[in-house]
Amino acid sequence: MKKNFLNQLLVAFVITLSLSMRAQQDPQFTQFMHSRLIYNPAYAGTNQSICVNTLYRQQWVSFPGAPKTGLLSFDMYSQALGGIGFGLNIMNDQLGADKTWFARGAFAKHFQMGADGNSILSIGIDAGILQKQINGVWIAPQTLNDPNIPNNPTGQLQGGTGAPNLNKLVPDFGFGVYYTVPNKMYVGFSASHLTGATLQGASGTGNTNLAYDLQFRMARHYYLVGGYTFVFSNPDHALTPNIKVKNDGAVTQVDVNLTYELKRMFWLGASWRMQDAIAPMLGFRQDFGKNGTLKVGYSYDVTTSPIKGYSSGTHEIFINYCFKVVKPVIKTIHENDRVLD
């Protein structure tokens, strides 16, 4: 009973921080190197294939109200349209009483670089909609009677403020620049939530005569991601360090990763997230030739922050499938009527 009460208090503390601070609004992904489109619209189409990527993350297992995030991404490349990449991100993220859903379409223009044209510089934008919901009915009003945290009318019997839930839909935009030498290196810079919109909820006087004015401000987020693959004398072995830096104008978060790959089929790696977690990961790649390539990866975050005493860690899994559209070769036969067999 005591531990459950402490859990509730800690959840309330985390949610309060998420409402009052502009950091940590965007969910974090440990396997960011395999889900680059969510961070940078300029990534769309840079592998010159049609790709579908799904990811699910369950953070802080056994922790009440812990974050859960689902992501579906799609991107493709069109040479016929002059070297254009298209993409789509659909994501649902829930942290206790805070729910976020968005859908953003990406558009990227590619430029072939270098003497051999093997490297790609891409500039991209994305646009879509974002929905934010905040519902505080699950937080016991008698333990957290904050007029700026919503309570349904049912909370009146327990002294709730009666402040209505927040449910707002706003446009969302982003921008990115991405440079890559395929299978060798990549680096990208991007910015999301460029409008910096404020989602304004209702205001008034609640059941306890406390004034409430619920609003949520979307912070602009800035990302720097990069990686470089070192191939040994034996090409069956490769080592890739990756890095992601996220900043919201107030707080900076850094993820550093090192991944070893064997025969382009299996990989093992580990990431360190500043002041948060250490995460081992593994995965495999199956090449089906003309039918495409399948990748599956899993990571487990070992929490190192003070919340580790209340959490069993974090699970994250992704599945990626890419294939190229190859136009069939049409054979033509020409006959000459002046030649008789």
C-alpha atoms as a PDB file:
ATOM      1  CA  MET A   1       0.000   0.000   0.000  1.00  0.00           C
ATOM      2  CA  LYS A   2       2.809   2.396   0.892  1.00  0.00           C
ATOM      3  CA  LYS A   3       4.678   1.680  -2.329  1.00  0.00           C
ATOM      4  CA  ASN A   4       1.494   2.182  -4.368  1.00  0.00           C
ATOM      5  CA  PHE A   5       0.951   5.544  -2.687  1.00  0.00           C
ATOM      6  CA  LEU A   6       4.544   6.557  -3.487  1.00  0.00           C
ATOM      7  CA  ASN A   7       3.988   5.469  -7.079  1.00  0.00           C
ATOM      8  CA  GLN A   8       0.941   7.732  -7.342  1.00  0.00           C
ATOM      9  CA  LEU A   9       2.842  10.662  -5.931  1.00  0.00           C
ATOM     10  CA  LEU A  10       5.715  10.080  -8.320  1.00  0.00           C
ATOM     11  CA  VAL A  11       3.374   9.820 -11.296  1.00  0.00           C
ATOM     12  CA  ALA A  12       1.742  13.081 -10.264  1.00  0.00           C
ATOM     13  CA  PHE A  13       5.177  14.671 -10.040  1.00  0.00           C
ATOM     14  CA  VAL A  14       6.141  13.470 -13.518  1.00  0.00           C
ATOM     15  CA  ILE A  15       2.875  14.641 -15.044  1.00  0.00           C
ATOM     16  CA  THR A  16       3.190  18.034 -13.363  1.00  0.00           C
ATOM     17  CA  LEU A  17       6.648  18.406 -14.863  1.00  0.00           C
ATOM     18  CA  SER A  18       5.365  17.455 -18.303  1.00  0.00           C
ATOM     19  CA  LEU A  19       2.703  20.153 -18.043  1.00  0.00           C
ATOM     20  CA  SER A  20       4.897  22.904 -16.644  1.00  0.00           C
ATOM     21  CA  MET A  21       8.101  22.343 -18.617  1.00  0.00           C
ATOM     22  CA  ARG A  22       8.546  22.476 -22.361  1.00  0.00           C
ATOM     23  CA  ALA A  23      11.117  19.660 -22.408  1.00  0.00           C
ATOM     24  CA  GLN A  24      10.391  16.019 -23.182  1.00  0.00           C
ATOM     25  CA  GLN A  25       7.249  16.756 -25.214  1.00  0.00           C
ATOM     26  CA  ASP A  26       8.431  14.611 -28.117  1.00  0.00           C
ATOM     27  CA  PRO A  27       8.862  10.923 -27.270  1.00  0.00           C
ATOM     28  CA  GLN A  28      12.337   9.448 -27.292  1.00  0.00           C
ATOM     29  CA  PHE A  29      13.355   6.378 -29.273  1.00  0.00           C
ATOM     30  CA  THR A  30      16.379   4.292 -28.338  1.00  0.00           C
ATOM     31  CA  GLN A  31      16.699   2.836 -31.859  1.00  0.00           C
ATOM     32  CA  PHE A  32      16.665   6.270 -33.471  1.00  0.00           C
ATOM     33  CA  MET A  33      19.164   5.189 -36.136  1.00  0.00           C
ATOM     34  CA  HIS A  34      16.495   2.901 -37.601  1.00  0.00           C
ATOM     35  CA  SER A  35      13.650   5.461 -37.471  1.00  0.00           C
ATOM     36  CA  ARG A  36      15.174   8.624 -38.895  1.00  0.00           C
ATOM     37  CA  LEU A  37      12.092   9.916 -40.716  1.00  0.00           C
ATOM     38  CA  ILE A  38      10.363  10.763 -37.437  1.00  0.00           C
ATOM     39  CA  TYR A  39      13.182  13.214 -36.674  1.00  0.00           C
ATOM     40  CA  ASN A  40      13.967  14.610 -40.107  1.00  0.00           C
ATOM     41  CA  PRO A  41      11.631  14.991 -43.131  1.00  0.00           C
ATOM     42  CA  ALA A  42      14.657  15.327 -45.426  1.00  0.00           C
ATOM     43  CA  TYR A  43      15.376  11.620 -44.821  1.00  0.00           C
ATOM     44  CA  ALA A  44      12.350  10.676 -46.961  1.00  0.00           C
ATOM     45  CA  GLY A  45      13.417   8.566 -49.921  1.00  0.00           C
ATOM     46  CA  THR A  46      17.175   8.754 -49.324  1.00  0.00           C
ATOM     47  CA  ASN A  47      17.495   4.952 -49.401  1.00  0.00           C
ATOM     48  CA  GLN A  48      15.767   5.091 -52.823  1.00  0.00           C
ATOM     49  CA  SER A  49      13.296   2.372 -51.891  1.00  0.00           C
ATOM     50  CA  ILE A  50       9.736   2.044 -50.683  1.00  0.00           C
ATOM     51  CA  CYS A  51       9.921   1.498 -46.919  1.00  0.00           C
ATOM     52  CA  VAL A  52       7.424   0.833 -44.146  1.00  0.00           C
ATOM     53  CA  ASN A  53       8.592   1.136 -40.557  1.00  0.00           C
ATOM     54  CA  THR A  54       6.652   0.317 -37.378  1.00  0.00           C
ATOM     55  CA  LEU A  55       7.859   0.881 -33.829  1.00  0.00           C
ATOM     56  CA  TYR A  56       6.374   0.336 -30.384  1.00  0.00           C
ATOM     57  CA  ARG A  57       7.918   1.579 -27.144  1.00  0.00           C
ATOM     58  CA  GLN A  58       6.734   0.775 -23.626  1.00  0.00           C
ATOM     59  CA  GLN A  59       8.684   2.914 -21.199  1.00  0.00           C
ATOM     60  CA  TRP A  60       9.159   2.348 -17.459  1.00  0.00           C
ATOM     61  CA  VAL A  61       7.430  -1.033 -17.301  1.00  0.00           C
ATOM     62  CA  SER A  62       5.338  -1.596 -14.112  1.00  0.00           C
ATOM     63  CA  PHE A  63       5.141   2.169 -13.505  1.00  0.00           C
ATOM     64  CA  PRO A  64       1.546   3.530 -13.300  1.00  0.00           C
ATOM     65  CA  GLY A  65       0.728   5.839 -16.211  1.00  0.00           C
ATOM     66  CA  ALA A  66       4.065   5.112 -17.908  1.00  0.00           C
ATOM     67  CA  PRO A  67       4.670   6.355 -21.485  1.00  0.00           C
ATOM     68  CA  LYS A  68       3.549   4.158 -24.382  1.00  0.00           C
ATOM     69  CA  THR A  69       4.329   5.135 -27.953  1.00  0.00           C
ATOM     70  CA  GLY A  70       3.350   3.661 -31.314  1.00  0.00           C
ATOM     71  CA  LEU A  71       4.804   4.831 -34.625  1.00  0.00           C
ATOM     72  CA  LEU A  72       4.050   4.025 -38.262  1.00  0.00           C
ATOM     73  CA  SER A  73       6.280   5.532 -40.963  1.00  0.00           C
ATOM     74  CA  PHE A  74       6.311   5.251 -44.732  1.00  0.00           C
ATOM     75  CA  ASP A  75       8.656   6.766 -47.300  1.00  0.00           C
ATOM     76  CA  MET A  76       9.524   6.333 -50.968  1.00  0.00           C
ATOM     77  CA  TYR A  77      11.632   7.803 -53.748  1.00  0.00           C
ATOM     78  CA  SER A  78      10.650   8.929 -57.231  1.00  0.00           C
ATOM     79  CA  GLN A  79      13.287   9.493 -59.883  1.00  0.00           C
ATOM     80  CA  ALA A  80      10.579  10.188 -62.480  1.00  0.00           C
ATOM     81  CA  LEU A  81       9.600  13.352 -60.588  1.00  0.00           C
ATOM     82  CA  GLY A  82      13.155  14.646 -60.553  1.00  0.00           C
ATOM     83  CA  GLY A  83      14.600  13.009 -57.470  1.00  0.00           C
ATOM     84  CA  ILE A  84      11.837  13.560 -54.901  1.00  0.00           C
ATOM     85  CA  GLY A  85      11.231  11.758 -51.628  1.00  0.00           C
ATOM     86  CA  PHE A  86       7.819  11.399 -49.986  1.00  0.00           C
ATOM     87  CA  GLY A  87       7.035  10.240 -46.469  1.00  0.00           C
ATOM     88  CA  LEU A  88       4.356   9.920 -43.811  1.00  0.00           C
ATOM     89  CA  ASN A  89       4.582   9.659 -40.015  1.00  0.00           C
ATOM     90  CA  ILE A  90       1.641   8.649 -37.829  1.00  0.00           C
ATOM     91  CA  MET A  91       2.293   8.509 -34.094  1.00  0.00           C
ATOM     92  CA  ASN A  92       0.326   8.018 -30.897  1.00  0.00           C
ATOM     93  CA  ASP A  93       1.987   8.816 -27.575  1.00  0.00           C
ATOM     94  CA  GLN A  94       0.498   8.545 -24.083  1.00  0.00           C
ATOM     95  CA  LEU A  95       2.008   9.648 -20.782  1.00  0.00           C
ATOM     96  CA  GLY A  96      -0.510   9.274 -17.984  1.00  0.00           C
ATOM     97  CA  ALA A  97      -3.209  11.895 -18.512  1.00  0.00           C
ATOM     98  CA  ASP A  98      -1.322  13.388 -21.474  1.00  0.00           C
ATOM     99  CA  LYS A  99      -2.093  11.973 -24.954  1.00  0.00           C
ATOM    100  CA  THR A 100      -0.602  13.180 -28.234  1.00  0.00           C
ATOM    101  CA  TRP A 101      -1.520  12.069 -31.729  1.00  0.00           C
ATOM    102  CA  PHE A 102      -0.151  13.431 -34.967  1.00  0.00           C
ATOM    103  CA  ALA A 103       0.069  12.720 -38.676  1.00  0.00           C
ATOM    104  CA  ARG A 104       2.658  14.512 -40.807  1.00  0.00           C
ATOM    105  CA  GLY A 105       3.435  14.178 -44.491  1.00  0.00           C
ATOM    106  CA  ALA A 106       7.041  14.744 -45.613  1.00  0.00           C
ATOM    107  CA  PHE A 107       8.429  16.069 -48.894  1.00  0.00           C
ATOM    108  CA  ALA A 108      12.157  16.087 -49.726  1.00  0.00           C
ATOM    109  CA  LYS A 109      14.199  17.229 -52.722  1.00  0.00           C
ATOM    110  CA  HIS A 110      17.380  15.237 -53.371  1.00  0.00           C
ATOM    111  CA  PHE A 111      20.607  16.491 -54.924  1.00  0.00           C
ATOM    112  CA  GLN A 112      23.290  14.077 -56.134  1.00  0.00           C
ATOM    113  CA  MET A 113      26.669  15.158 -54.789  1.00  0.00           C
ATOM    114  CA  GLY A 114      30.301  14.224 -55.391  1.00  0.00           C
ATOM    115  CA  ALA A 115      32.214  13.310 -58.529  1.00  0.00           C
ATOM    116  CA  ASP A 116      30.572   9.891 -58.712  1.00  0.00           C
ATOM    117  CA  GLY A 117      27.145  11.144 -57.636  1.00  0.00           C
ATOM    118  CA  ASN A 118      27.070   8.557 -54.858  1.00  0.00           C
ATOM    119  CA  SER A 119      26.268  10.951 -52.008  1.00  0.00           C
ATOM    120  CA  ILE A 120      22.925  12.658 -51.468  1.00  0.00           C
ATOM    121  CA  LEU A 121      22.066  16.065 -50.036  1.00  0.00           C
ATOM    122  CA  SER A 122      18.381  16.369 -49.203  1.00  0.00           C
ATOM    123  CA  ILE A 123      16.243  19.292 -48.050  1.00  0.00           C
ATOM    124  CA  GLY A 124      12.815  18.501 -46.691  1.00  0.00           C
ATOM    125  CA  ILE A 125       9.686  19.830 -45.015  1.00  0.00           C
ATOM    126  CA  ASP A 126       6.778  18.138 -43.297  1.00  0.00           C
ATOM    127  CA  ALA A 127       3.276  19.311 -42.497  1.00  0.00           C
ATOM    128  CA  GLY A 128       0.292  17.825 -40.758  1.00  0.00           C
ATOM    129  CA  ILE A 129      -1.927  17.980 -37.701  1.00  0.00           C
ATOM    130  CA  LEU A 130      -1.318  17.410 -34.003  1.00  0.00           C
ATOM    131  CA  GLN A 131      -3.913  16.608 -31.362  1.00  0.00           C
ATOM    132  CA  LYS A 132      -3.228  17.103 -27.665  1.00  0.00           C
ATOM    133  CA  GLN A 133      -5.476  15.667 -24.957  1.00  0.00           C
ATOM    134  CA  ILE A 134      -5.062  16.140 -21.207  1.00  0.00           C
ATOM    135  CA  ASN A 135      -7.451  14.269 -18.932  1.00  0.00           C
ATOM    136  CA  GLY A 136      -6.732  14.389 -15.220  1.00  0.00           C
ATOM    137  CA  VAL A 137      -9.644  12.278 -13.987  1.00  0.00           C
ATOM    138  CA  TRP A 138      -7.340   9.359 -13.162  1.00  0.00           C
ATOM    139  CA  ILE A 139      -5.304  11.508 -10.736  1.00  0.00           C
ATOM    140  CA  ALA A 140      -6.961  11.340  -7.332  1.00  0.00           C
ATOM    141  CA  PRO A 141      -8.305  14.907  -6.707  1.00  0.00           C
ATOM    142  CA  GLN A 142      -7.836  14.622  -2.964  1.00  0.00           C
ATOM    143  CA  THR A 143      -4.071  14.139  -3.464  1.00  0.00           C
ATOM    144  CA  LEU A 144      -3.532  16.680  -6.237  1.00  0.00           C
ATOM    145  CA  ASN A 145      -6.075  19.494  -6.246  1.00  0.00           C
ATOM    146  CA  ASP A 146      -4.352  21.737  -8.779  1.00  0.00           C
ATOM    147  CA  PRO A 147      -6.811  24.057 -10.576  1.00  0.00           C
ATOM    148  CA  ASN A 148      -4.781  23.808 -13.797  1.00  0.00           C
ATOM    149  CA  ILE A 149      -5.076  20.008 -13.988  1.00  0.00           C
ATOM    150  CA  PRO A 150      -8.487  18.986 -15.334  1.00  0.00           C
ATOM    151  CA  ASN A 151     -10.995  16.920 -13.407  1.00  0.00           C
ATOM    152  CA  ASN A 152     -14.231  15.537 -14.817  1.00  0.00           C
ATOM    153  CA  PRO A 153     -17.457  16.592 -13.023  1.00  0.00           C
ATOM    154  CA  THR A 154     -17.322  13.254 -11.188  1.00  0.00           C
ATOM    155  CA  GLY A 155     -14.486  14.779  -9.222  1.00  0.00           C
ATOM    156  CA  GLN A 156     -16.905  17.143  -7.487  1.00  0.00           C
ATOM    157  CA  LEU A 157     -17.743  14.514  -4.900  1.00  0.00           C
ATOM    158  CA  GLN A 158     -14.055  14.279  -4.021  1.00  0.00           C
ATOM    159  CA  GLY A 159     -13.317  17.986  -4.020  1.00  0.00           C
ATOM    160  CA  GLY A 160     -12.153  18.165  -7.633  1.00  0.00           C
ATOM    161  CA  THR A 161     -11.852  21.537  -9.347  1.00  0.00           C
ATOM    162  CA  GLY A 162     -14.187  20.577 -12.208  1.00  0.00           C
ATOM    163  CA  ALA A 163     -11.807  22.067 -14.782  1.00  0.00           C
ATOM    164  CA  PRO A 164     -12.669  20.504 -18.184  1.00  0.00           C
ATOM    165  CA  ASN A 165     -10.297  18.307 -20.127  1.00  0.00           C
ATOM    166  CA  LEU A 166      -8.064  19.745 -22.829  1.00  0.00           C
ATOM    167  CA  ASN A 167      -8.662  18.420 -26.351  1.00  0.00           C
ATOM    168  CA  LYS A 168      -7.201  20.575 -29.130  1.00  0.00           C
ATOM    169  CA  LEU A 169      -6.127  20.074 -32.741  1.00  0.00           C
ATOM    170  CA  VAL A 170      -3.481  22.320 -34.331  1.00  0.00           C
ATOM    171  CA  PRO A 171      -1.411  22.384 -37.544  1.00  0.00           C
ATOM    172  CA  ASP A 172       2.165  21.150 -37.212  1.00  0.00           C
ATOM    173  CA  PHE A 173       5.215  21.856 -39.404  1.00  0.00           C
ATOM    174  CA  GLY A 174       8.876  20.844 -39.555  1.00  0.00           C
ATOM    175  CA  PHE A 175      12.040  21.339 -41.613  1.00  0.00           C
ATOM    176  CA  GLY A 176      15.229  19.351 -42.147  1.00  0.00           C
ATOM    177  CA  VAL A 177      18.521  19.006 -44.011  1.00  0.00           C
ATOM    178  CA  TYR A 178      20.110  15.579 -44.475  1.00  0.00           C
ATOM    179  CA  TYR A 179      23.356  14.399 -46.082  1.00  0.00           C
ATOM    180  CA  THR A 180      24.326  10.767 -46.609  1.00  0.00           C
ATOM    181  CA  VAL A 181      26.799   8.514 -48.346  1.00  0.00           C
ATOM    182  CA  PRO A 182      24.721   5.294 -48.444  1.00  0.00           C
ATOM    183  CA  ASN A 183      26.073   2.481 -46.263  1.00  0.00           C
ATOM    184  CA  LYS A 184      28.882   4.803 -45.099  1.00  0.00           C
ATOM    185  CA  MET A 185      27.717   7.870 -43.171  1.00  0.00           C
ATOM    186  CA  TYR A 186      24.811  10.212 -42.499  1.00  0.00           C
ATOM    187  CA  VAL A 187      24.230  13.507 -40.729  1.00  0.00           C
ATOM    188  CA  GLY A 188      21.096  15.588 -40.422  1.00  0.00           C
ATOM    189  CA  PHE A 189      19.708  18.670 -38.724  1.00  0.00           C
ATOM    190  CA  SER A 190      16.003  19.320 -38.271  1.00  0.00           C
ATOM    191  CA  ALA A 191      13.412  21.329 -36.372  1.00  0.00           C
ATOM    192  CA  SER A 192       9.861  20.308 -35.431  1.00  0.00           C
ATOM    193  CA  HIS A 193       6.746  22.146 -34.152  1.00  0.00           C
ATOM    194  CA  LEU A 194       7.871  25.332 -35.921  1.00  0.00           C
ATOM    195  CA  THR A 195       4.654  27.181 -35.086  1.00  0.00           C
ATOM    196  CA  GLY A 196       5.304  26.867 -31.345  1.00  0.00           C
ATOM    197  CA  ALA A 197       1.531  26.789 -30.925  1.00  0.00           C
ATOM    198  CA  THR A 198      -0.222  27.320 -27.610  1.00  0.00           C
ATOM    199  CA  LEU A 199      -3.173  24.971 -27.151  1.00  0.00           C
ATOM    200  CA  GLN A 200      -5.647  27.002 -25.127  1.00  0.00           C
ATOM    201  CA  GLY A 201      -8.235  25.188 -23.041  1.00  0.00           C
ATOM    202  CA  ALA A 202     -11.118  26.515 -21.021  1.00  0.00           C
ATOM    203  CA  SER A 203     -10.790  28.982 -18.162  1.00  0.00           C
ATOM    204  CA  GLY A 204     -13.123  29.833 -15.325  1.00  0.00           C
ATOM    205  CA  THR A 205     -13.827  29.107 -11.674  1.00  0.00           C
ATOM    206  CA  GLY A 206     -13.982  25.520 -10.486  1.00  0.00           C
ATOM    207  CA  ASN A 207     -15.936  23.686  -7.828  1.00  0.00           C
ATOM    208  CA  THR A 208     -13.642  24.909  -5.083  1.00  0.00           C
ATOM    209  CA  ASN A 209     -13.767  28.548  -6.308  1.00  0.00           C
ATOM    210  CA  LEU A 210     -10.216  28.172  -7.616  1.00  0.00           C
ATOM    211  CA  ALA A 211      -9.638  29.839 -10.973  1.00  0.00           C
ATOM    212  CA  TYR A 212      -8.302  27.576 -13.738  1.00  0.00           C
ATOM    213  CA  ASP A 213      -6.782  28.412 -17.103  1.00  0.00           C
ATOM    214  CA  LEU A 214      -5.568  25.256 -18.820  1.00  0.00           C
ATOM    215  CA  GLN A 215      -3.137  25.616 -21.724  1.00  0.00           C
ATOM    216  CA  PHE A 216      -0.306  23.658 -23.270  1.00  0.00           C
ATOM    217  CA  ARG A 217       2.535  25.255 -25.204  1.00  0.00           C
ATOM    218  CA  MET A 218       4.246  23.221 -27.919  1.00  0.00           C
ATOM    219  CA  ALA A 219       7.987  23.796 -27.788  1.00  0.00           C
ATOM    220  CA  ARG A 220      10.093  23.860 -30.927  1.00  0.00           C
ATOM    221  CA  HIS A 221      12.454  20.896 -30.927  1.00  0.00           C
ATOM    222  CA  TYR A 222      15.815  20.755 -32.686  1.00  0.00           C
ATOM    223  CA  TYR A 223      17.584  17.532 -33.648  1.00  0.00           C
ATOM    224  CA  LEU A 224      21.092  16.671 -34.762  1.00  0.00           C
ATOM    225  CA  VAL A 225      21.642  13.029 -35.754  1.00  0.00           C
ATOM    226  CA  GLY A 226      24.643  11.370 -37.338  1.00  0.00           C
ATOM    227  CA  GLY A 227      26.533   8.141 -37.811  1.00  0.00           C
ATOM    228  CA  TYR A 228      29.600   6.703 -39.567  1.00  0.00           C
ATOM    229  CA  THR A 229      30.236   3.077 -40.522  1.00  0.00           C
ATOM    230  CA  PHE A 230      33.762   1.707 -40.202  1.00  0.00           C
ATOM    231  CA  VAL A 231      34.314  -1.426 -42.296  1.00  0.00           C
ATOM    232  CA  PHE A 232      37.171  -3.715 -41.267  1.00  0.00           C
ATOM    233  CA  SER A 233      39.618  -5.378 -43.662  1.00  0.00           C
ATOM    234  CA  ASN A 234      37.186  -8.262 -43.559  1.00  0.00           C
ATOM    235  CA  PRO A 235      33.962  -6.705 -44.962  1.00  0.00           C
ATOM    236  CA  ASP A 236      31.867  -9.125 -42.925  1.00  0.00           C
ATOM    237  CA  HIS A 237      32.453  -6.908 -39.889  1.00  0.00           C
ATOM    238  CA  ALA A 238      31.378  -3.286 -39.435  1.00  0.00           C
ATOM    239  CA  LEU A 239      31.213  -0.856 -36.528  1.00  0.00           C
ATOM    240  CA  THR A 240      28.914   2.174 -36.496  1.00  0.00           C
ATOM    241  CA  PRO A 241      28.830   4.927 -33.869  1.00  0.00           C
ATOM    242  CA  ASN A 242      25.592   6.958 -33.877  1.00  0.00           C
ATOM    243  CA  ILE A 243      24.610  10.095 -32.026  1.00  0.00           C
ATOM    244  CA  LYS A 244      21.409  12.053 -31.483  1.00  0.00           C
ATOM    245  CA  VAL A 245      21.189  15.467 -29.825  1.00  0.00           C
ATOM    246  CA  LYS A 246      17.757  16.887 -28.959  1.00  0.00           C
ATOM    247  CA  ASN A 247      17.160  20.421 -27.720  1.00  0.00           C
ATOM    248  CA  ASP A 248      13.913  22.253 -27.005  1.00  0.00           C
ATOM    249  CA  GLY A 249      15.445  25.655 -26.337  1.00  0.00           C
ATOM    250  CA  ALA A 250      15.721  24.913 -22.618  1.00  0.00           C
ATOM    251  CA  VAL A 251      17.019  21.357 -22.130  1.00  0.00           C
ATOM    252  CA  THR A 252      19.474  19.267 -24.167  1.00  0.00           C
ATOM    253  CA  GLN A 253      19.379  15.473 -24.296  1.00  0.00           C
ATOM    254  CA  VAL A 254      22.156  13.351 -25.820  1.00  0.00           C
ATOM    255  CA  ASP A 255      22.011   9.715 -27.014  1.00  0.00           C
ATOM    256  CA  VAL A 256      25.285   7.979 -27.935  1.00  0.00           C
ATOM    257  CA  ASN A 257      25.253   4.552 -29.591  1.00  0.00           C
ATOM    258  CA  LEU A 258      27.766   1.981 -30.825  1.00  0.00           C
ATOM    259  CA  THR A 259      26.593  -0.886 -33.051  1.00  0.00           C
ATOM    260  CA  TYR A 260      28.525  -3.895 -34.356  1.00  0.00           C
ATOM    261  CA  GLU A 261      27.196  -5.628 -37.475  1.00  0.00           C
ATOM    262  CA  LEU A 262      28.114  -9.095 -38.746  1.00  0.00           C
ATOM    263  CA  LYS A 263      27.744  -9.987 -42.437  1.00  0.00           C
ATOM    264  CA  ARG A 264      25.019  -7.333 -42.805  1.00  0.00           C
ATOM    265  CA  MET A 265      22.706  -9.851 -41.154  1.00  0.00           C
ATOM    266  CA  PHE A 266      22.983  -9.431 -37.382  1.00  0.00           C
ATOM    267  CA  TRP A 267      23.808  -6.514 -35.134  1.00  0.00           C
ATOM    268  CA  LEU A 268      24.525  -5.909 -31.479  1.00  0.00           C
ATOM    269  CA  GLY A 269      24.823  -2.515 -29.870  1.00  0.00           C
ATOM    270  CA  ALA A 270      24.395  -0.351 -26.830  1.00  0.00           C
ATOM    271  CA  SER A 271      23.253   3.217 -26.234  1.00  0.00           C
ATOM    272  CA  TRP A 272      23.745   5.653 -23.408  1.00  0.00           C
ATOM    273  CA  ARG A 273      21.203   8.409 -22.814  1.00  0.00           C
ATOM    274  CA  MET A 274      22.462  11.237 -20.671  1.00  0.00           C
ATOM    275  CA  GLN A 275      21.082  11.077 -17.102  1.00  0.00           C
ATOM    276  CA  ASP A 276      18.462   8.506 -18.093  1.00  0.00           C
ATOM    277  CA  ALA A 277      19.409   5.010 -19.288  1.00  0.00           C
ATOM    278  CA  ILE A 278      21.829   2.472 -20.732  1.00  0.00           C
ATOM    279  CA  ALA A 279      20.260   0.378 -23.487  1.00  0.00           C
ATOM    280  CA  PRO A 280      21.588  -2.839 -25.069  1.00  0.00           C
ATOM    281  CA  MET A 281      20.043  -3.726 -28.439  1.00  0.00           C
ATOM    282  CA  LEU A 282      20.099  -6.443 -31.057  1.00  0.00           C
ATOM    283  CA  GLY A 283      18.549  -7.161 -34.436  1.00  0.00           C
ATOM    284  CA  PHE A 284      18.727  -8.994 -37.701  1.00  0.00           C
ATOM    285  CA  ARG A 285      18.362  -8.265 -41.390  1.00  0.00           C
ATOM    286  CA  GLN A 286      16.990 -10.693 -43.978  1.00  0.00           C
ATOM    287  CA  ASP A 287      17.605  -9.943 -47.643  1.00  0.00           C
ATOM    288  CA  PHE A 288      15.004 -11.404 -50.004  1.00  0.00           C
ATOM    289  CA  GLY A 289      16.738 -10.214 -53.165  1.00  0.00           C
ATOM    290  CA  LYS A 290      14.305  -8.557 -55.573  1.00  0.00           C
ATOM    291  CA  ASN A 291      11.527  -8.977 -52.994  1.00  0.00           C
ATOM    292  CA  GLY A 292      13.111  -6.534 -50.559  1.00  0.00           C
ATOM    293  CA  THR A 293      14.789  -6.475 -47.154  1.00  0.00           C
ATOM    294  CA  LEU A 294      13.325  -7.063 -43.697  1.00  0.00           C
ATOM    295  CA  LYS A 295      14.857  -5.669 -40.499  1.00  0.00           C
ATOM    296  CA  VAL A 296      13.725  -6.410 -36.943  1.00  0.00           C
ATOM    297  CA  GLY A 297      15.297  -4.834 -33.863  1.00  0.00           C
ATOM    298  CA  TYR A 298      14.800  -4.843 -30.089  1.00  0.00           C
ATOM    299  CA  SER A 299      16.243  -2.710 -27.310  1.00  0.00           C
ATOM    300  CA  TYR A 300      15.901  -2.679 -23.541  1.00  0.00           C
ATOM    301  CA  ASP A 301      16.560   0.477 -21.534  1.00  0.00           C
ATOM    302  CA  VAL A 302      18.092  -0.059 -18.120  1.00  0.00           C
ATOM    303  CA  THR A 303      16.963   3.019 -16.210  1.00  0.00           C
ATOM    304  CA  THR A 304      19.709   4.947 -14.409  1.00  0.00           C
ATOM    305  CA  SER A 305      17.669   7.968 -13.287  1.00  0.00           C
ATOM    306  CA  PRO A 306      16.025   8.179  -9.826  1.00  0.00           C
ATOM    307  CA  ILE A 307      12.916   6.521 -11.240  1.00  0.00           C
ATOM    308  CA  LYS A 308      14.786   3.191 -11.478  1.00  0.00           C
ATOM    309  CA  GLY A 309      13.436   2.112  -8.090  1.00  0.00           C
ATOM    310  CA  TYR A 310       9.882   2.145  -9.470  1.00  0.00           C
ATOM    311  CA  SER A 311      10.447   0.846 -13.001  1.00  0.00           C
ATOM    312  CA  SER A 312      11.395  -2.469 -14.622  1.00  0.00           C
ATOM    313  CA  GLY A 313      13.043  -0.780 -17.591  1.00  0.00           C
ATOM    314  CA  THR A 314      11.842   0.019 -21.100  1.00  0.00           C
ATOM    315  CA  HIS A 315      11.082  -2.250 -24.073  1.00  0.00           C
ATOM    316  CA  GLU A 316      11.251  -1.086 -27.680  1.00  0.00           C
ATOM    317  CA  ILE A 317      10.790  -3.080 -30.873  1.00  0.00           C
ATOM    318  CA  PHE A 318      10.756  -2.062 -34.529  1.00  0.00           C
ATOM    319  CA  ILE A 319      10.026  -3.812 -37.839  1.00  0.00           C
ATOM    320  CA  ASN A 320      11.167  -2.340 -41.134  1.00  0.00           C
ATOM    321  CA  TYR A 321      10.557  -3.592 -44.667  1.00  0.00           C
ATOM    322  CA  CYS A 322      12.012  -1.979 -47.808  1.00  0.00           C
ATOM    323  CA  PHE A 323      11.783  -2.915 -51.456  1.00  0.00           C
ATOM    324  CA  LYS A 324      12.525  -1.388 -54.835  1.00  0.00           C
ATOM    325  CA  VAL A 325      10.106  -1.208 -57.724  1.00  0.00           C
ATOM    326  CA  VAL A 326      11.911  -2.633 -60.734  1.00  0.00           C
ATOM    327  CA  LYS A 327      10.311  -2.014 -64.076  1.00  0.00           C
ATOM    328  CA  PRO A 328      10.086  -5.206 -66.134  1.00  0.00           C
ATOM    329  CA  VAL A 329      12.179  -5.341 -69.275  1.00  0.00           C
ATOM    330  CA  ILE A 330       9.856  -5.335 -72.271  1.00  0.00           C
ATOM    331  CA  LYS A 331      11.223  -7.356 -75.165  1.00  0.00           C
ATOM    332  CA  THR A 332      10.265  -6.137 -78.616  1.00  0.00           C
ATOM    333  CA  ILE A 333      10.360  -8.098 -81.852  1.00  0.00           C
ATOM    334  CA  HIS A 334      10.583  -6.406 -85.215  1.00  0.00           C
ATOM    335  CA  GLU A 335       9.628  -8.171 -88.412  1.00  0.00           C
ATOM    336  CA  ASN A 336      10.324  -7.165 -91.963  1.00  0.00           C
ATOM    337  CA  ASP A 337       7.591  -8.089 -94.416  1.00  0.00           C
ATOM    338  CA  ARG A 338      10.099  -7.899 -97.273  1.00  0.00           C
ATOM    339  CA  VAL A 339      11.998 -10.861 -95.849  1.00  0.00           C
ATOM    340  CA  LEU A 340      10.271 -14.199 -96.313  1.00  0.00           C
ATOM    341  CA  ASP A 341      11.174 -17.203 -94.192  1.00  0.00           C
END
